[in-house]
Amino acid sequence: MSKCLVLFVEGYTEVEFYKQVVANARKLHPAGRFDTNIEYRNVRGVGGFKSIALRKFVKEIKPKYGNDCEFTIALCSDTDVFDFAPKPPIKWNEIKKQLVDNGASKIIHIQAKRSIEDWFLYDTEGILRFLRLGKNTNVSGKNGYDKLQHLYKQANKIYYKGIQSNGMIGCLNIEKIADSVKDQLNPLYQALGVNKN
């Protein structure tokens, strides 16, 4: 039976980031490779977990791998979305149940504490290098998203949440970030068979 890990993420930036995290995890795998097919799907914001994830799973992913595939689904979200969202609660249990009812064997939930931008800031040096800002540039803001916006503004650029990062992800030290948030990434490592102490 083949195995497939599907990562549903909130935006293009996250797709880029998780691809790097998985590539980094591959180096840590005892076999140096995974026995799992990996699919990344952007659900365009947290609301998409409700509407888009199930549809993409049933219409795009299952037909591609057929019924003799064991699907693990990773729902990758920010926890702070509820600060921005008009009506907060997403009923994660309902989403998980629908996916299982439609053939997923296992659901894992990876939540970036506050936001994925907070994760990126674990490598402020990489961000400053990407934006060509001095090492002593002041990082201010009330949260990760705010701080990134301020830094981009100082470089006369604009940071859009979820839009492709135009190279920023490639400048980040993914290993350093993954290490800093390994407690939050742990479910993903387990699904990939990587032991991250």
N, C-alpha and C. Protein backbone atom coordinates (compact mmCIF):
# COMPACT_ATOMS: atom_id res chain seq x y z
N MET A 1 0.84 -1.20 0.00
CA MET A 1 0.00 0.00 0.00
C MET A 1 0.88 1.25 0.00
N SER A 2 0.60 2.16 -0.92
CA SER A 2 1.43 3.37 -0.95
C SER A 2 0.95 4.36 0.10
N LYS A 3 1.81 5.32 0.42
CA LYS A 3 1.45 6.31 1.43
C LYS A 3 1.56 7.69 0.82
N CYS A 4 0.68 8.55 1.26
CA CYS A 4 0.68 9.92 0.75
C CYS A 4 0.46 10.87 1.92
N LEU A 5 1.30 11.88 1.99
CA LEU A 5 1.13 12.92 3.00
C LEU A 5 0.69 14.18 2.27
N VAL A 6 -0.44 14.72 2.69
CA VAL A 6 -0.97 15.92 2.03
C VAL A 6 -0.89 17.08 3.01
N LEU A 7 -0.20 18.15 2.63
CA LEU A 7 -0.14 19.33 3.48
C LEU A 7 -1.07 20.39 2.93
N PHE A 8 -2.09 20.73 3.71
CA PHE A 8 -2.96 21.83 3.34
C PHE A 8 -2.47 23.06 4.10
N VAL A 9 -2.11 24.11 3.37
CA VAL A 9 -1.54 25.31 4.00
C VAL A 9 -2.32 26.54 3.57
N GLU A 10 -2.09 27.65 4.29
CA GLU A 10 -2.94 28.83 4.09
C GLU A 10 -2.57 29.72 2.92
N GLY A 11 -1.34 29.60 2.39
CA GLY A 11 -0.97 30.51 1.31
C GLY A 11 0.27 30.02 0.57
N TYR A 12 0.67 30.76 -0.48
CA TYR A 12 1.83 30.35 -1.28
C TYR A 12 3.13 30.42 -0.48
N THR A 13 3.23 31.43 0.39
CA THR A 13 4.43 31.55 1.22
C THR A 13 4.61 30.27 2.02
N GLU A 14 3.48 29.77 2.56
CA GLU A 14 3.52 28.55 3.37
C GLU A 14 3.91 27.34 2.54
N VAL A 15 3.42 27.28 1.29
CA VAL A 15 3.80 26.16 0.41
C VAL A 15 5.33 26.16 0.27
N GLU A 16 5.89 27.33 -0.04
CA GLU A 16 7.35 27.44 -0.21
C GLU A 16 8.06 27.01 1.07
N PHE A 17 7.55 27.51 2.19
CA PHE A 17 8.21 27.26 3.47
C PHE A 17 8.17 25.77 3.83
N TYR A 18 6.99 25.16 3.72
CA TYR A 18 6.88 23.75 4.11
C TYR A 18 7.67 22.84 3.18
N LYS A 19 7.80 23.22 1.93
CA LYS A 19 8.64 22.42 1.01
C LYS A 19 10.08 22.40 1.54
N GLN A 20 10.54 23.56 2.02
CA GLN A 20 11.90 23.65 2.57
C GLN A 20 12.03 22.84 3.85
N VAL A 21 10.99 22.92 4.70
CA VAL A 21 11.02 22.18 5.97
C VAL A 21 11.11 20.68 5.69
N VAL A 22 10.32 20.23 4.70
CA VAL A 22 10.32 18.80 4.36
C VAL A 22 11.67 18.40 3.76
N ALA A 23 12.24 19.27 2.91
CA ALA A 23 13.56 18.97 2.33
C ALA A 23 14.60 18.87 3.44
N ASN A 24 14.48 19.74 4.44
CA ASN A 24 15.40 19.72 5.57
C ASN A 24 15.21 18.44 6.39
N ALA A 25 13.96 18.04 6.56
CA ALA A 25 13.66 16.82 7.34
C ALA A 25 14.19 15.58 6.63
N ARG A 26 14.20 15.62 5.30
CA ARG A 26 14.67 14.47 4.53
C ARG A 26 16.12 14.14 4.90
N LYS A 27 16.91 15.21 5.16
CA LYS A 27 18.31 15.00 5.53
C LYS A 27 18.43 14.30 6.88
N LEU A 28 17.39 14.44 7.71
CA LEU A 28 17.43 13.86 9.05
C LEU A 28 16.88 12.43 9.06
N HIS A 29 16.27 12.03 7.94
CA HIS A 29 15.64 10.71 7.90
C HIS A 29 16.72 9.63 7.82
N PRO A 30 16.56 8.56 8.62
CA PRO A 30 17.58 7.50 8.63
C PRO A 30 17.90 6.98 7.23
N ALA A 31 16.88 6.86 6.37
CA ALA A 31 17.11 6.32 5.02
C ALA A 31 17.53 7.42 4.04
N GLY A 32 17.44 8.67 4.49
CA GLY A 32 17.79 9.78 3.61
C GLY A 32 16.72 10.07 2.57
N ARG A 33 15.61 9.36 2.66
CA ARG A 33 14.48 9.63 1.75
C ARG A 33 13.20 9.17 2.43
N PHE A 34 12.07 9.57 1.87
CA PHE A 34 10.78 9.17 2.45
C PHE A 34 10.13 8.11 1.60
N ASP A 35 9.38 7.23 2.24
CA ASP A 35 8.62 6.23 1.49
C ASP A 35 7.20 6.73 1.28
N THR A 36 7.07 8.04 1.26
CA THR A 36 5.75 8.67 1.21
C THR A 36 5.72 9.68 0.07
N ASN A 37 4.64 9.72 -0.68
CA ASN A 37 4.45 10.78 -1.66
C ASN A 37 3.99 12.02 -0.89
N ILE A 38 4.46 13.18 -1.30
CA ILE A 38 4.07 14.39 -0.57
C ILE A 38 3.41 15.37 -1.53
N GLU A 39 2.25 15.85 -1.11
CA GLU A 39 1.49 16.82 -1.92
C GLU A 39 1.29 18.08 -1.09
N TYR A 40 1.40 19.23 -1.73
CA TYR A 40 1.16 20.51 -1.06
C TYR A 40 -0.02 21.18 -1.73
N ARG A 41 -0.96 21.67 -0.93
CA ARG A 41 -2.10 22.38 -1.51
C ARG A 41 -2.38 23.65 -0.72
N ASN A 42 -2.53 24.73 -1.46
CA ASN A 42 -2.83 26.03 -0.86
C ASN A 42 -4.35 26.16 -0.76
N VAL A 43 -4.86 26.41 0.47
CA VAL A 43 -6.31 26.57 0.62
C VAL A 43 -6.71 28.06 0.70
N ARG A 44 -5.73 28.94 0.45
CA ARG A 44 -5.99 30.39 0.37
C ARG A 44 -6.68 30.96 1.60
N GLY A 45 -5.99 30.89 2.71
CA GLY A 45 -6.55 31.49 3.93
C GLY A 45 -7.26 30.45 4.77
N VAL A 46 -7.45 30.79 6.03
CA VAL A 46 -7.94 29.79 6.97
C VAL A 46 -9.33 29.28 6.62
N GLY A 47 -10.15 30.14 5.98
CA GLY A 47 -11.50 29.71 5.60
C GLY A 47 -11.48 28.54 4.63
N GLY A 48 -10.39 28.44 3.89
CA GLY A 48 -10.26 27.38 2.89
C GLY A 48 -10.19 25.98 3.47
N PHE A 49 -9.83 25.87 4.75
CA PHE A 49 -9.80 24.53 5.35
C PHE A 49 -11.21 23.96 5.34
N LYS A 50 -12.20 24.87 5.48
CA LYS A 50 -13.59 24.43 5.52
C LYS A 50 -14.09 24.04 4.14
N SER A 51 -13.77 24.88 3.13
CA SER A 51 -14.39 24.67 1.83
C SER A 51 -13.49 23.99 0.82
N ILE A 52 -12.21 24.40 0.79
CA ILE A 52 -11.34 23.96 -0.30
C ILE A 52 -10.64 22.63 -0.02
N ALA A 53 -10.22 22.42 1.22
CA ALA A 53 -9.40 21.24 1.54
C ALA A 53 -10.09 19.93 1.15
N LEU A 54 -11.32 19.77 1.57
CA LEU A 54 -12.03 18.52 1.28
C LEU A 54 -12.19 18.32 -0.22
N ARG A 55 -12.56 19.41 -0.92
CA ARG A 55 -12.76 19.32 -2.36
C ARG A 55 -11.46 18.91 -3.07
N LYS A 56 -10.34 19.55 -2.68
CA LYS A 56 -9.06 19.22 -3.31
C LYS A 56 -8.67 17.77 -3.01
N PHE A 57 -8.95 17.33 -1.79
CA PHE A 57 -8.61 15.96 -1.42
C PHE A 57 -9.40 14.95 -2.26
N VAL A 58 -10.71 15.18 -2.34
CA VAL A 58 -11.58 14.23 -3.04
C VAL A 58 -11.39 14.28 -4.56
N LYS A 59 -11.25 15.50 -5.12
CA LYS A 59 -11.23 15.64 -6.59
C LYS A 59 -9.84 15.56 -7.21
N GLU A 60 -8.79 16.02 -6.47
CA GLU A 60 -7.46 16.06 -7.09
C GLU A 60 -6.54 14.96 -6.57
N ILE A 61 -6.55 14.77 -5.27
CA ILE A 61 -5.51 13.91 -4.69
C ILE A 61 -5.89 12.44 -4.71
N LYS A 62 -7.11 12.13 -4.25
CA LYS A 62 -7.51 10.72 -4.23
C LYS A 62 -7.48 10.09 -5.62
N PRO A 63 -8.02 10.75 -6.65
CA PRO A 63 -7.98 10.13 -7.99
C PRO A 63 -6.55 9.88 -8.47
N LYS A 64 -5.62 10.73 -8.05
CA LYS A 64 -4.23 10.61 -8.49
C LYS A 64 -3.58 9.35 -7.89
N TYR A 65 -3.96 9.00 -6.66
CA TYR A 65 -3.29 7.88 -5.98
C TYR A 65 -4.15 6.63 -5.85
N GLY A 66 -5.45 6.77 -6.08
CA GLY A 66 -6.31 5.59 -6.02
C GLY A 66 -6.62 5.16 -4.60
N ASN A 67 -7.39 4.06 -4.49
CA ASN A 67 -7.91 3.65 -3.19
C ASN A 67 -6.93 2.86 -2.34
N ASP A 68 -5.84 2.36 -2.97
CA ASP A 68 -4.94 1.55 -2.16
C ASP A 68 -3.80 2.43 -1.63
N CYS A 69 -4.16 3.66 -1.27
CA CYS A 69 -3.17 4.58 -0.73
C CYS A 69 -3.61 4.99 0.67
N GLU A 70 -2.64 5.07 1.56
CA GLU A 70 -2.96 5.50 2.93
C GLU A 70 -2.64 6.99 3.03
N PHE A 71 -3.67 7.80 3.29
CA PHE A 71 -3.50 9.24 3.31
C PHE A 71 -3.35 9.80 4.72
N THR A 72 -2.28 10.54 4.93
CA THR A 72 -2.15 11.33 6.16
C THR A 72 -2.31 12.77 5.72
N ILE A 73 -3.19 13.49 6.40
CA ILE A 73 -3.42 14.87 6.02
C ILE A 73 -2.93 15.80 7.12
N ALA A 74 -2.12 16.78 6.74
CA ALA A 74 -1.62 17.77 7.69
C ALA A 74 -2.34 19.08 7.43
N LEU A 75 -3.02 19.57 8.44
CA LEU A 75 -3.66 20.87 8.34
C LEU A 75 -2.70 21.86 8.99
N CYS A 76 -2.13 22.76 8.20
CA CYS A 76 -1.11 23.68 8.70
C CYS A 76 -1.71 25.08 8.80
N SER A 77 -1.89 25.54 10.02
CA SER A 77 -2.56 26.84 10.18
C SER A 77 -1.82 27.70 11.20
N ASP A 78 -2.18 28.97 11.21
CA ASP A 78 -1.68 29.90 12.23
C ASP A 78 -2.67 29.87 13.38
N THR A 79 -2.20 30.16 14.60
CA THR A 79 -3.17 30.21 15.70
C THR A 79 -3.78 31.60 15.82
N ASP A 80 -3.10 32.62 15.28
CA ASP A 80 -3.57 33.98 15.50
C ASP A 80 -4.64 34.39 14.52
N VAL A 81 -5.00 33.49 13.63
CA VAL A 81 -5.94 33.88 12.59
C VAL A 81 -7.21 34.39 13.26
N PHE A 82 -7.42 33.91 14.47
CA PHE A 82 -8.63 34.31 15.15
C PHE A 82 -8.55 35.75 15.63
N ASP A 83 -7.37 36.35 15.54
CA ASP A 83 -7.28 37.78 15.82
C ASP A 83 -7.79 38.58 14.62
N PHE A 84 -7.65 37.98 13.42
CA PHE A 84 -8.02 38.71 12.20
C PHE A 84 -9.41 38.34 11.72
N ALA A 85 -9.81 37.10 11.97
CA ALA A 85 -11.01 36.58 11.31
C ALA A 85 -12.27 37.25 11.83
N PRO A 86 -13.21 37.49 10.92
CA PRO A 86 -14.47 38.12 11.33
C PRO A 86 -15.25 37.23 12.28
N LYS A 87 -15.44 35.97 11.92
CA LYS A 87 -16.10 35.08 12.88
C LYS A 87 -15.16 33.92 13.14
N PRO A 88 -14.53 33.92 14.29
CA PRO A 88 -13.44 32.99 14.52
C PRO A 88 -13.71 31.53 14.23
N PRO A 89 -14.47 30.83 15.08
CA PRO A 89 -14.17 29.41 15.16
C PRO A 89 -14.30 28.63 13.87
N ILE A 90 -13.24 27.92 13.59
CA ILE A 90 -13.31 26.91 12.55
C ILE A 90 -13.49 25.64 13.34
N LYS A 91 -14.45 24.85 12.94
CA LYS A 91 -14.69 23.62 13.70
C LYS A 91 -13.75 22.55 13.16
N TRP A 92 -12.53 22.54 13.72
CA TRP A 92 -11.50 21.61 13.23
C TRP A 92 -11.99 20.17 13.28
N ASN A 93 -12.75 19.83 14.32
CA ASN A 93 -13.20 18.43 14.43
C ASN A 93 -14.11 18.04 13.28
N GLU A 94 -14.94 18.99 12.84
CA GLU A 94 -15.83 18.70 11.71
C GLU A 94 -15.00 18.50 10.44
N ILE A 95 -14.00 19.37 10.25
CA ILE A 95 -13.14 19.26 9.06
C ILE A 95 -12.44 17.91 9.06
N LYS A 96 -11.88 17.55 10.23
CA LYS A 96 -11.16 16.27 10.34
C LYS A 96 -12.09 15.10 10.05
N LYS A 97 -13.31 15.18 10.61
CA LYS A 97 -14.27 14.08 10.42
C LYS A 97 -14.62 13.93 8.94
N GLN A 98 -14.86 15.04 8.24
CA GLN A 98 -15.19 14.97 6.81
C GLN A 98 -14.07 14.33 6.02
N LEU A 99 -12.83 14.69 6.35
CA LEU A 99 -11.69 14.13 5.62
C LEU A 99 -11.57 12.62 5.88
N VAL A 100 -11.78 12.22 7.12
CA VAL A 100 -11.71 10.79 7.46
C VAL A 100 -12.86 10.05 6.77
N ASP A 101 -14.05 10.65 6.80
CA ASP A 101 -15.20 10.02 6.14
C ASP A 101 -14.94 9.83 4.65
N ASN A 102 -14.07 10.68 4.10
CA ASN A 102 -13.78 10.60 2.67
C ASN A 102 -12.48 9.87 2.36
N GLY A 103 -11.94 9.15 3.33
CA GLY A 103 -10.82 8.27 3.02
C GLY A 103 -9.46 8.60 3.61
N ALA A 104 -9.37 9.66 4.41
CA ALA A 104 -8.08 9.94 5.05
C ALA A 104 -7.89 8.99 6.22
N SER A 105 -6.65 8.46 6.39
CA SER A 105 -6.44 7.54 7.51
C SER A 105 -6.08 8.30 8.78
N LYS A 106 -5.37 9.41 8.60
CA LYS A 106 -4.87 10.09 9.79
C LYS A 106 -4.81 11.59 9.50
N ILE A 107 -5.19 12.38 10.49
CA ILE A 107 -5.14 13.83 10.34
C ILE A 107 -4.20 14.38 11.40
N ILE A 108 -3.27 15.22 10.99
CA ILE A 108 -2.45 15.90 11.98
C ILE A 108 -2.66 17.40 11.82
N HIS A 109 -2.48 18.12 12.90
CA HIS A 109 -2.72 19.56 12.85
C HIS A 109 -1.44 20.26 13.29
N ILE A 110 -0.88 21.06 12.40
CA ILE A 110 0.33 21.80 12.74
C ILE A 110 -0.06 23.26 12.86
N GLN A 111 0.10 23.78 14.07
CA GLN A 111 -0.32 25.16 14.29
C GLN A 111 0.88 26.03 14.61
N ALA A 112 1.11 27.02 13.77
CA ALA A 112 2.19 27.97 14.02
C ALA A 112 1.71 28.89 15.14
N LYS A 113 2.42 28.88 16.25
CA LYS A 113 2.00 29.73 17.37
C LYS A 113 1.96 31.16 16.89
N ARG A 114 0.83 31.74 17.02
CA ARG A 114 0.48 33.04 16.47
C ARG A 114 0.50 32.99 14.95
N SER A 115 1.66 33.10 14.30
CA SER A 115 1.60 33.06 12.84
C SER A 115 2.89 32.54 12.25
N ILE A 116 2.82 32.15 10.99
CA ILE A 116 3.99 31.66 10.27
C ILE A 116 5.05 32.76 10.22
N GLU A 117 4.61 34.03 10.23
CA GLU A 117 5.57 35.14 10.22
C GLU A 117 6.42 35.14 11.49
N ASP A 118 5.80 34.74 12.62
CA ASP A 118 6.57 34.65 13.86
C ASP A 118 7.67 33.60 13.70
N TRP A 119 7.36 32.54 12.97
CA TRP A 119 8.38 31.51 12.72
C TRP A 119 9.52 32.09 11.90
N PHE A 120 9.17 32.82 10.83
CA PHE A 120 10.21 33.38 9.95
C PHE A 120 11.19 34.24 10.75
N LEU A 121 10.65 34.95 11.75
CA LEU A 121 11.48 35.90 12.50
C LEU A 121 12.50 35.22 13.41
N TYR A 122 12.42 33.90 13.53
CA TYR A 122 13.50 33.21 14.26
C TYR A 122 14.80 33.35 13.48
N ASP A 123 14.70 33.69 12.21
CA ASP A 123 15.90 33.97 11.44
C ASP A 123 15.84 35.41 10.91
N THR A 124 15.82 36.35 11.84
CA THR A 124 15.77 37.76 11.46
C THR A 124 16.95 38.12 10.55
N GLU A 125 18.13 37.52 10.83
CA GLU A 125 19.31 37.82 10.01
C GLU A 125 19.05 37.52 8.54
N GLY A 126 18.43 36.36 8.28
CA GLY A 126 18.12 35.97 6.91
C GLY A 126 17.17 36.95 6.24
N ILE A 127 16.19 37.42 7.00
CA ILE A 127 15.21 38.38 6.45
C ILE A 127 15.91 39.70 6.14
N LEU A 128 16.75 40.16 7.08
CA LEU A 128 17.47 41.43 6.85
C LEU A 128 18.38 41.33 5.63
N ARG A 129 19.03 40.15 5.49
CA ARG A 129 19.92 39.95 4.35
C ARG A 129 19.10 40.01 3.05
N PHE A 130 17.95 39.32 3.06
CA PHE A 130 17.09 39.31 1.87
C PHE A 130 16.64 40.73 1.51
N LEU A 131 16.30 41.52 2.52
CA LEU A 131 15.80 42.88 2.27
C LEU A 131 16.94 43.89 2.12
N ARG A 132 18.19 43.39 2.24
CA ARG A 132 19.38 44.25 2.18
C ARG A 132 19.30 45.39 3.20
N LEU A 133 18.88 45.02 4.42
CA LEU A 133 18.85 45.99 5.51
C LEU A 133 20.02 45.69 6.44
N GLY A 134 20.51 46.72 7.13
CA GLY A 134 21.66 46.54 8.03
C GLY A 134 21.34 45.60 9.18
N LYS A 135 22.40 44.96 9.70
CA LYS A 135 22.23 43.98 10.78
C LYS A 135 21.58 44.59 12.02
N ASN A 136 21.77 45.90 12.22
CA ASN A 136 21.24 46.51 13.44
C ASN A 136 19.87 47.15 13.24
N THR A 137 19.24 46.81 12.13
CA THR A 137 17.91 47.37 11.86
C THR A 137 16.97 47.00 13.01
N ASN A 138 16.23 47.99 13.44
CA ASN A 138 15.29 47.79 14.55
C ASN A 138 14.07 46.99 14.06
N VAL A 139 13.73 45.92 14.79
CA VAL A 139 12.56 45.11 14.44
C VAL A 139 11.46 45.45 15.42
N SER A 140 10.42 46.13 14.94
CA SER A 140 9.35 46.49 15.88
C SER A 140 8.00 46.12 15.29
N GLY A 141 7.03 45.98 16.18
CA GLY A 141 5.68 45.62 15.76
C GLY A 141 5.02 44.80 16.84
N LYS A 142 3.69 44.71 16.77
CA LYS A 142 2.99 44.01 17.87
C LYS A 142 2.95 42.50 17.67
N ASN A 143 3.20 42.04 16.45
CA ASN A 143 3.23 40.59 16.22
C ASN A 143 4.13 40.32 15.01
N GLY A 144 4.31 39.05 14.68
CA GLY A 144 5.22 38.67 13.60
C GLY A 144 4.86 39.31 12.27
N TYR A 145 3.56 39.32 11.97
CA TYR A 145 3.09 39.86 10.70
C TYR A 145 3.42 41.35 10.61
N ASP A 146 3.13 42.04 11.72
CA ASP A 146 3.38 43.47 11.84
C ASP A 146 4.87 43.78 11.68
N LYS A 147 5.70 42.98 12.35
CA LYS A 147 7.16 43.19 12.30
C LYS A 147 7.68 43.01 10.88
N LEU A 148 7.19 41.96 10.21
CA LEU A 148 7.65 41.74 8.83
C LEU A 148 7.22 42.89 7.93
N GLN A 149 5.99 43.35 8.12
CA GLN A 149 5.52 44.48 7.32
C GLN A 149 6.42 45.70 7.50
N HIS A 150 6.80 45.97 8.77
CA HIS A 150 7.67 47.12 9.07
C HIS A 150 9.02 46.97 8.39
N LEU A 151 9.59 45.76 8.46
CA LEU A 151 10.90 45.53 7.84
C LEU A 151 10.81 45.73 6.33
N TYR A 152 9.78 45.17 5.73
CA TYR A 152 9.61 45.31 4.27
C TYR A 152 9.48 46.79 3.90
N LYS A 153 8.71 47.51 4.72
CA LYS A 153 8.49 48.93 4.44
C LYS A 153 9.83 49.68 4.45
N GLN A 154 10.71 49.32 5.41
CA GLN A 154 12.02 49.98 5.49
C GLN A 154 12.85 49.71 4.23
N ALA A 155 12.54 48.59 3.56
CA ALA A 155 13.27 48.25 2.33
C ALA A 155 12.47 48.69 1.10
N ASN A 156 11.46 49.53 1.33
CA ASN A 156 10.57 49.99 0.24
C ASN A 156 9.91 48.84 -0.50
N LYS A 157 9.51 47.82 0.25
CA LYS A 157 8.77 46.71 -0.33
C LYS A 157 7.51 46.50 0.47
N ILE A 158 6.66 45.64 -0.04
CA ILE A 158 5.42 45.36 0.70
C ILE A 158 5.34 43.86 0.94
N TYR A 159 5.03 43.50 2.18
CA TYR A 159 4.88 42.08 2.51
C TYR A 159 3.39 41.73 2.45
N TYR A 160 3.07 40.76 1.61
CA TYR A 160 1.67 40.31 1.52
C TYR A 160 1.58 38.93 2.16
N LYS A 161 0.66 38.77 3.07
CA LYS A 161 0.49 37.47 3.70
C LYS A 161 0.03 36.45 2.67
N GLY A 162 0.73 35.31 2.63
CA GLY A 162 0.27 34.22 1.77
C GLY A 162 0.67 34.29 0.31
N ILE A 163 1.15 35.45 -0.14
CA ILE A 163 1.57 35.57 -1.54
C ILE A 163 3.01 35.06 -1.65
N GLN A 164 3.41 34.61 -2.84
CA GLN A 164 4.77 34.10 -2.99
C GLN A 164 5.79 35.12 -2.50
N SER A 165 6.82 34.61 -1.81
CA SER A 165 7.72 35.51 -1.09
C SER A 165 8.82 36.09 -1.97
N ASN A 166 8.84 35.75 -3.26
CA ASN A 166 9.86 36.28 -4.17
C ASN A 166 11.29 36.12 -3.65
N GLY A 167 11.55 34.98 -3.07
CA GLY A 167 12.94 34.72 -2.69
C GLY A 167 13.23 34.78 -1.21
N MET A 168 12.33 35.34 -0.41
CA MET A 168 12.63 35.45 1.02
C MET A 168 12.83 34.06 1.64
N ILE A 169 11.93 33.12 1.34
CA ILE A 169 12.03 31.79 1.95
C ILE A 169 13.38 31.16 1.65
N GLY A 170 13.86 31.37 0.41
CA GLY A 170 15.15 30.82 0.02
C GLY A 170 16.32 31.40 0.80
N CYS A 171 16.12 32.58 1.39
CA CYS A 171 17.21 33.22 2.16
C CYS A 171 17.16 32.83 3.63
N LEU A 172 16.12 32.14 4.04
CA LEU A 172 15.99 31.81 5.46
C LEU A 172 16.79 30.57 5.81
N ASN A 173 17.26 30.54 7.04
CA ASN A 173 17.94 29.36 7.57
C ASN A 173 16.84 28.44 8.11
N ILE A 174 16.37 27.54 7.24
CA ILE A 174 15.23 26.70 7.58
C ILE A 174 15.55 25.80 8.78
N GLU A 175 16.80 25.34 8.83
CA GLU A 175 17.20 24.46 9.93
C GLU A 175 17.05 25.17 11.27
N LYS A 176 17.50 26.42 11.30
CA LYS A 176 17.43 27.22 12.53
C LYS A 176 15.97 27.43 12.94
N ILE A 177 15.12 27.76 11.97
CA ILE A 177 13.71 28.00 12.26
C ILE A 177 13.04 26.70 12.72
N ALA A 178 13.29 25.62 11.97
CA ALA A 178 12.67 24.34 12.31
C ALA A 178 13.07 23.90 13.71
N ASP A 179 14.33 24.16 14.08
CA ASP A 179 14.80 23.83 15.42
C ASP A 179 14.07 24.65 16.47
N SER A 180 13.85 25.92 16.17
CA SER A 180 13.21 26.82 17.14
C SER A 180 11.75 26.44 17.37
N VAL A 181 11.12 25.82 16.37
CA VAL A 181 9.68 25.51 16.50
C VAL A 181 9.44 24.01 16.42
N LYS A 182 10.45 23.22 16.80
CA LYS A 182 10.31 21.78 16.58
C LYS A 182 9.15 21.17 17.36
N ASP A 183 8.80 21.79 18.51
CA ASP A 183 7.64 21.28 19.24
C ASP A 183 6.37 21.42 18.40
N GLN A 184 6.28 22.53 17.66
CA GLN A 184 5.09 22.76 16.83
C GLN A 184 5.14 21.92 15.54
N LEU A 185 6.35 21.63 15.08
CA LEU A 185 6.49 20.85 13.83
C LEU A 185 6.49 19.34 14.08
N ASN A 186 6.56 18.96 15.35
CA ASN A 186 6.70 17.56 15.69
C ASN A 186 5.73 16.60 15.00
N PRO A 187 4.43 16.93 14.93
CA PRO A 187 3.50 16.00 14.26
C PRO A 187 3.92 15.72 12.81
N LEU A 188 4.49 16.74 12.15
CA LEU A 188 4.93 16.57 10.77
C LEU A 188 6.13 15.63 10.72
N TYR A 189 7.09 15.85 11.62
CA TYR A 189 8.26 14.97 11.65
C TYR A 189 7.85 13.53 11.90
N GLN A 190 6.91 13.33 12.82
CA GLN A 190 6.47 11.97 13.11
C GLN A 190 5.84 11.33 11.88
N ALA A 191 5.02 12.12 11.17
CA ALA A 191 4.37 11.58 9.97
C ALA A 191 5.41 11.22 8.91
N LEU A 192 6.55 11.89 8.93
CA LEU A 192 7.60 11.62 7.93
C LEU A 192 8.59 10.56 8.43
N GLY A 193 8.39 10.12 9.67
CA GLY A 193 9.28 9.10 10.21
C GLY A 193 10.64 9.66 10.61
N VAL A 194 10.65 10.95 10.97
CA VAL A 194 11.91 11.58 11.38
C VAL A 194 11.85 11.80 12.89
N ASN A 195 12.93 11.42 13.57
CA ASN A 195 12.97 11.63 14.99
C ASN A 195 13.74 12.90 15.27
N LYS A 196 13.06 13.93 15.75
CA LYS A 196 13.71 15.22 15.96
C LYS A 196 13.75 15.49 17.46
N ASN A 197 14.92 15.32 18.05
CA ASN A 197 14.98 15.55 19.51
C ASN A 197 15.21 17.01 19.82
